[in-house]
């Protein structure tokens, strides 16, 4: 099992000893709660997605009005090769 220092290293965090101890204490408390949940016998219990008695109403998949690419790109500040051109956002 990994310890807090391993997780901190993966996240590129530098945690002082007292902070690492504090976080580790909180994680242990959380783990105890999950251990209690794991101990509960759930055999024969049907898994639920929601406790509400509702059904998802699906609509018919129908084609709608097609807007020509030229009309869509007419309002674009910049376009390149038939696509919207946006500023680079990642490195």
N, C-alpha and C. Protein backbone atom coordinates (compact mmCIF):
# COMPACT_ATOMS: atom_id res chain seq x y z
N UNK A 1 0.85 -1.19 0.00
CA UNK A 1 0.00 0.00 0.00
C UNK A 1 0.89 1.25 0.00
N UNK A 2 0.47 2.22 -0.74
CA UNK A 2 1.25 3.46 -0.84
C UNK A 2 1.03 4.32 0.42
N UNK A 3 2.02 5.16 0.69
CA UNK A 3 1.85 6.09 1.79
C UNK A 3 1.68 7.51 1.25
N UNK A 4 1.45 8.44 2.12
CA UNK A 4 1.17 9.82 1.73
C UNK A 4 2.33 10.41 0.94
N UNK A 5 3.55 10.08 1.30
CA UNK A 5 4.70 10.63 0.58
C UNK A 5 4.72 10.16 -0.88
N UNK A 6 4.31 8.91 -1.13
CA UNK A 6 4.24 8.41 -2.51
C UNK A 6 3.22 9.21 -3.32
N UNK A 7 2.04 9.43 -2.73
CA UNK A 7 1.01 10.21 -3.42
C UNK A 7 1.45 11.66 -3.64
N UNK A 8 2.10 12.23 -2.65
CA UNK A 8 2.60 13.60 -2.78
C UNK A 8 3.61 13.69 -3.92
N UNK A 9 4.48 12.70 -4.02
CA UNK A 9 5.48 12.69 -5.09
C UNK A 9 4.81 12.58 -6.46
N UNK A 10 3.78 11.72 -6.55
CA UNK A 10 3.07 11.57 -7.83
C UNK A 10 2.40 12.88 -8.24
N UNK A 11 1.96 13.65 -7.24
CA UNK A 11 1.27 14.92 -7.52
C UNK A 11 2.25 16.09 -7.60
N UNK A 12 3.52 15.78 -7.47
CA UNK A 12 4.58 16.80 -7.50
C UNK A 12 4.40 17.82 -6.38
N UNK A 13 4.00 17.31 -5.18
CA UNK A 13 3.83 18.16 -4.01
C UNK A 13 4.98 17.92 -3.04
N UNK A 14 5.35 18.95 -2.36
CA UNK A 14 6.36 18.79 -1.32
C UNK A 14 5.66 19.09 -0.01
N UNK A 15 5.39 18.03 0.75
CA UNK A 15 4.68 18.18 2.02
C UNK A 15 5.66 18.11 3.19
N UNK A 16 5.61 19.10 4.06
CA UNK A 16 6.42 19.00 5.29
C UNK A 16 5.92 17.82 6.13
N UNK A 17 6.76 17.31 7.00
CA UNK A 17 6.43 16.14 7.82
C UNK A 17 5.11 16.31 8.57
N UNK A 18 4.91 17.49 9.19
CA UNK A 18 3.69 17.67 10.00
C UNK A 18 2.43 17.66 9.13
N UNK A 19 2.52 18.20 7.92
CA UNK A 19 1.36 18.17 7.01
C UNK A 19 1.11 16.75 6.52
N UNK A 20 2.16 16.02 6.20
CA UNK A 20 2.01 14.64 5.75
C UNK A 20 1.36 13.79 6.85
N UNK A 21 1.76 14.00 8.09
CA UNK A 21 1.18 13.27 9.21
C UNK A 21 -0.30 13.62 9.37
N UNK A 22 -0.62 14.91 9.22
CA UNK A 22 -2.02 15.36 9.34
C UNK A 22 -2.89 14.70 8.26
N UNK A 23 -2.40 14.72 7.01
CA UNK A 23 -3.14 14.12 5.91
C UNK A 23 -3.29 12.62 6.13
N UNK A 24 -2.22 11.97 6.56
CA UNK A 24 -2.27 10.54 6.78
C UNK A 24 -3.30 10.18 7.85
N UNK A 25 -3.39 10.99 8.90
CA UNK A 25 -4.39 10.76 9.93
C UNK A 25 -5.80 10.85 9.39
N UNK A 26 -6.04 11.84 8.52
CA UNK A 26 -7.38 12.00 7.92
C UNK A 26 -7.71 10.83 7.00
N UNK A 27 -6.73 10.37 6.25
CA UNK A 27 -6.95 9.25 5.33
C UNK A 27 -7.26 7.97 6.12
N UNK A 28 -6.58 7.78 7.25
CA UNK A 28 -6.85 6.59 8.07
C UNK A 28 -8.28 6.61 8.60
N UNK A 29 -8.75 7.79 9.01
CA UNK A 29 -10.13 7.91 9.49
C UNK A 29 -11.10 7.55 8.37
N UNK A 30 -10.83 8.04 7.17
CA UNK A 30 -11.67 7.74 6.01
C UNK A 30 -11.64 6.24 5.70
N UNK A 31 -10.47 5.64 5.76
CA UNK A 31 -10.33 4.22 5.47
C UNK A 31 -11.13 3.38 6.47
N UNK A 32 -11.17 3.80 7.73
CA UNK A 32 -11.96 3.06 8.73
C UNK A 32 -13.43 3.03 8.35
N UNK A 33 -13.93 4.15 7.85
CA UNK A 33 -15.32 4.21 7.42
C UNK A 33 -15.59 3.25 6.27
N UNK A 34 -14.67 3.17 5.33
CA UNK A 34 -14.84 2.26 4.20
C UNK A 34 -14.71 0.80 4.64
N UNK A 35 -13.86 0.55 5.64
CA UNK A 35 -13.75 -0.81 6.17
C UNK A 35 -15.08 -1.25 6.77
N UNK A 36 -15.75 -0.35 7.47
CA UNK A 36 -17.07 -0.67 8.04
C UNK A 36 -18.06 -0.98 6.93
N UNK A 37 -18.03 -0.19 5.85
CA UNK A 37 -18.94 -0.44 4.74
C UNK A 37 -18.66 -1.79 4.08
N UNK A 38 -17.38 -2.13 3.91
CA UNK A 38 -17.02 -3.40 3.29
C UNK A 38 -17.50 -4.58 4.13
N UNK A 39 -17.62 -4.39 5.43
CA UNK A 39 -18.02 -5.48 6.33
C UNK A 39 -19.52 -5.79 6.23
N UNK A 40 -20.30 -4.89 5.65
CA UNK A 40 -21.75 -5.10 5.55
C UNK A 40 -22.04 -6.16 4.49
N UNK A 41 -22.88 -7.14 4.84
CA UNK A 41 -23.25 -8.21 3.90
C UNK A 41 -24.29 -7.68 2.92
N UNK A 42 -23.89 -7.57 1.66
CA UNK A 42 -24.81 -7.06 0.63
C UNK A 42 -25.20 -8.14 -0.36
N UNK A 43 -24.95 -9.39 -0.03
CA UNK A 43 -25.32 -10.45 -0.95
C UNK A 43 -26.84 -10.48 -1.09
N UNK A 44 -27.30 -10.62 -2.30
CA UNK A 44 -28.74 -10.65 -2.56
C UNK A 44 -29.37 -9.27 -2.67
N UNK A 45 -28.60 -8.23 -2.53
CA UNK A 45 -29.13 -6.87 -2.65
C UNK A 45 -28.90 -6.39 -4.08
N UNK A 46 -29.97 -5.94 -4.72
CA UNK A 46 -29.86 -5.45 -6.09
C UNK A 46 -29.22 -4.07 -6.09
N UNK A 47 -28.16 -3.87 -6.88
CA UNK A 47 -27.52 -2.55 -6.95
C UNK A 47 -28.49 -1.50 -7.49
N UNK A 48 -28.39 -0.29 -6.98
CA UNK A 48 -29.24 0.82 -7.41
C UNK A 48 -28.40 1.88 -8.10
N UNK A 49 -28.99 2.50 -9.10
CA UNK A 49 -28.36 3.67 -9.71
C UNK A 49 -28.86 4.91 -8.98
N UNK A 50 -30.13 4.87 -8.58
CA UNK A 50 -30.73 5.96 -7.83
C UNK A 50 -31.79 5.38 -6.90
N UNK A 51 -32.05 6.07 -5.82
CA UNK A 51 -33.08 5.63 -4.90
C UNK A 51 -34.45 6.13 -5.33
N UNK A 52 -34.48 7.03 -6.31
CA UNK A 52 -35.74 7.57 -6.79
C UNK A 52 -36.40 6.61 -7.76
N UNK A 53 -37.72 6.57 -7.73
CA UNK A 53 -38.47 5.69 -8.62
C UNK A 53 -38.81 6.44 -9.90
N UNK A 54 -37.78 6.71 -10.72
CA UNK A 54 -38.01 7.44 -11.97
C UNK A 54 -37.40 6.65 -13.12
N UNK A 55 -37.89 6.89 -14.29
CA UNK A 55 -37.36 6.25 -15.49
C UNK A 55 -36.87 7.34 -16.42
N UNK A 56 -35.80 7.07 -17.14
CA UNK A 56 -35.29 8.01 -18.11
C UNK A 56 -36.17 7.95 -19.36
N UNK A 57 -36.69 9.09 -19.75
CA UNK A 57 -37.54 9.14 -20.94
C UNK A 57 -36.65 9.45 -22.13
N UNK A 58 -36.58 8.49 -23.04
CA UNK A 58 -35.74 8.67 -24.22
C UNK A 58 -36.59 9.19 -25.37
N UNK A 59 -36.04 10.14 -26.08
CA UNK A 59 -36.78 10.65 -27.24
C UNK A 59 -36.28 9.95 -28.50
N UNK A 60 -37.06 10.04 -29.51
CA UNK A 60 -36.70 9.46 -30.80
C UNK A 60 -35.48 10.20 -31.36
N UNK A 61 -34.52 9.48 -31.91
CA UNK A 61 -33.34 10.10 -32.50
C UNK A 61 -33.68 10.50 -33.94
N UNK A 62 -33.99 11.78 -34.10
CA UNK A 62 -34.43 12.26 -35.41
C UNK A 62 -33.48 13.34 -35.91
N UNK A 63 -33.20 13.31 -37.18
CA UNK A 63 -32.35 14.35 -37.77
C UNK A 63 -33.10 15.68 -37.73
N UNK A 64 -32.36 16.74 -37.43
CA UNK A 64 -32.95 18.07 -37.40
C UNK A 64 -32.34 18.92 -38.50
N UNK A 65 -32.81 20.13 -38.60
CA UNK A 65 -32.34 21.03 -39.65
C UNK A 65 -30.81 21.12 -39.67
N UNK A 66 -30.25 20.95 -40.83
CA UNK A 66 -28.81 21.02 -41.01
C UNK A 66 -28.42 22.46 -41.35
N UNK A 67 -27.42 22.98 -40.64
CA UNK A 67 -26.93 24.33 -40.92
C UNK A 67 -25.64 24.20 -41.71
N UNK A 68 -25.56 24.80 -42.88
CA UNK A 68 -24.34 24.69 -43.70
C UNK A 68 -23.11 25.23 -42.95
N UNK A 69 -21.99 24.56 -43.17
CA UNK A 69 -20.74 24.95 -42.52
C UNK A 69 -20.39 26.42 -42.76
N UNK A 70 -20.64 26.89 -43.97
CA UNK A 70 -20.31 28.28 -44.29
C UNK A 70 -21.09 29.25 -43.41
N UNK A 71 -22.37 28.93 -43.15
CA UNK A 71 -23.19 29.79 -42.29
C UNK A 71 -22.67 29.77 -40.85
N UNK A 72 -22.26 28.60 -40.36
CA UNK A 72 -21.74 28.51 -39.01
C UNK A 72 -20.43 29.30 -38.86
N UNK A 73 -19.56 29.16 -39.86
CA UNK A 73 -18.25 29.82 -39.79
C UNK A 73 -18.32 31.31 -40.10
N UNK A 74 -19.45 31.78 -40.61
CA UNK A 74 -19.58 33.20 -40.97
C UNK A 74 -19.39 34.09 -39.75
N UNK A 75 -19.80 33.63 -38.57
CA UNK A 75 -19.67 34.44 -37.35
C UNK A 75 -18.41 34.16 -36.57
N UNK A 76 -17.54 33.28 -37.06
CA UNK A 76 -16.33 32.93 -36.33
C UNK A 76 -15.29 34.03 -36.46
N UNK A 77 -14.61 34.37 -35.35
CA UNK A 77 -13.56 35.37 -35.43
C UNK A 77 -12.44 34.93 -36.37
N UNK A 78 -12.11 33.62 -36.33
CA UNK A 78 -11.10 33.07 -37.22
C UNK A 78 -11.50 31.66 -37.61
N UNK A 79 -11.17 31.29 -38.83
CA UNK A 79 -11.39 29.91 -39.26
C UNK A 79 -10.20 29.46 -40.07
N UNK A 80 -9.97 28.14 -40.05
CA UNK A 80 -8.85 27.58 -40.79
C UNK A 80 -9.30 26.26 -41.39
N UNK A 81 -9.21 26.14 -42.68
CA UNK A 81 -9.49 24.90 -43.38
C UNK A 81 -10.89 24.36 -43.08
N UNK A 82 -11.86 25.27 -42.94
CA UNK A 82 -13.24 24.87 -42.70
C UNK A 82 -13.59 24.59 -41.25
N UNK A 83 -12.72 24.96 -40.31
CA UNK A 83 -12.97 24.73 -38.89
C UNK A 83 -12.76 26.02 -38.12
N UNK A 84 -13.38 26.10 -36.92
CA UNK A 84 -13.12 27.23 -36.04
C UNK A 84 -11.65 27.20 -35.62
N UNK A 85 -11.01 28.35 -35.63
CA UNK A 85 -9.63 28.41 -35.15
C UNK A 85 -9.64 29.16 -33.83
N UNK A 86 -9.05 28.53 -32.81
CA UNK A 86 -9.03 29.12 -31.48
C UNK A 86 -7.60 29.20 -31.01
N UNK A 87 -7.33 30.08 -30.03
CA UNK A 87 -5.97 30.18 -29.52
C UNK A 87 -5.52 28.87 -28.85
N UNK A 88 -4.25 28.59 -28.92
CA UNK A 88 -3.68 27.41 -28.27
C UNK A 88 -3.85 27.57 -26.75
N UNK A 89 -4.33 26.54 -26.08
CA UNK A 89 -4.58 26.67 -24.64
C UNK A 89 -3.67 25.78 -23.80
N UNK A 90 -2.98 24.83 -24.41
CA UNK A 90 -2.11 23.94 -23.65
C UNK A 90 -0.69 24.06 -24.19
N UNK A 91 0.26 24.27 -23.26
CA UNK A 91 1.69 24.34 -23.50
C UNK A 91 2.07 24.38 -24.89
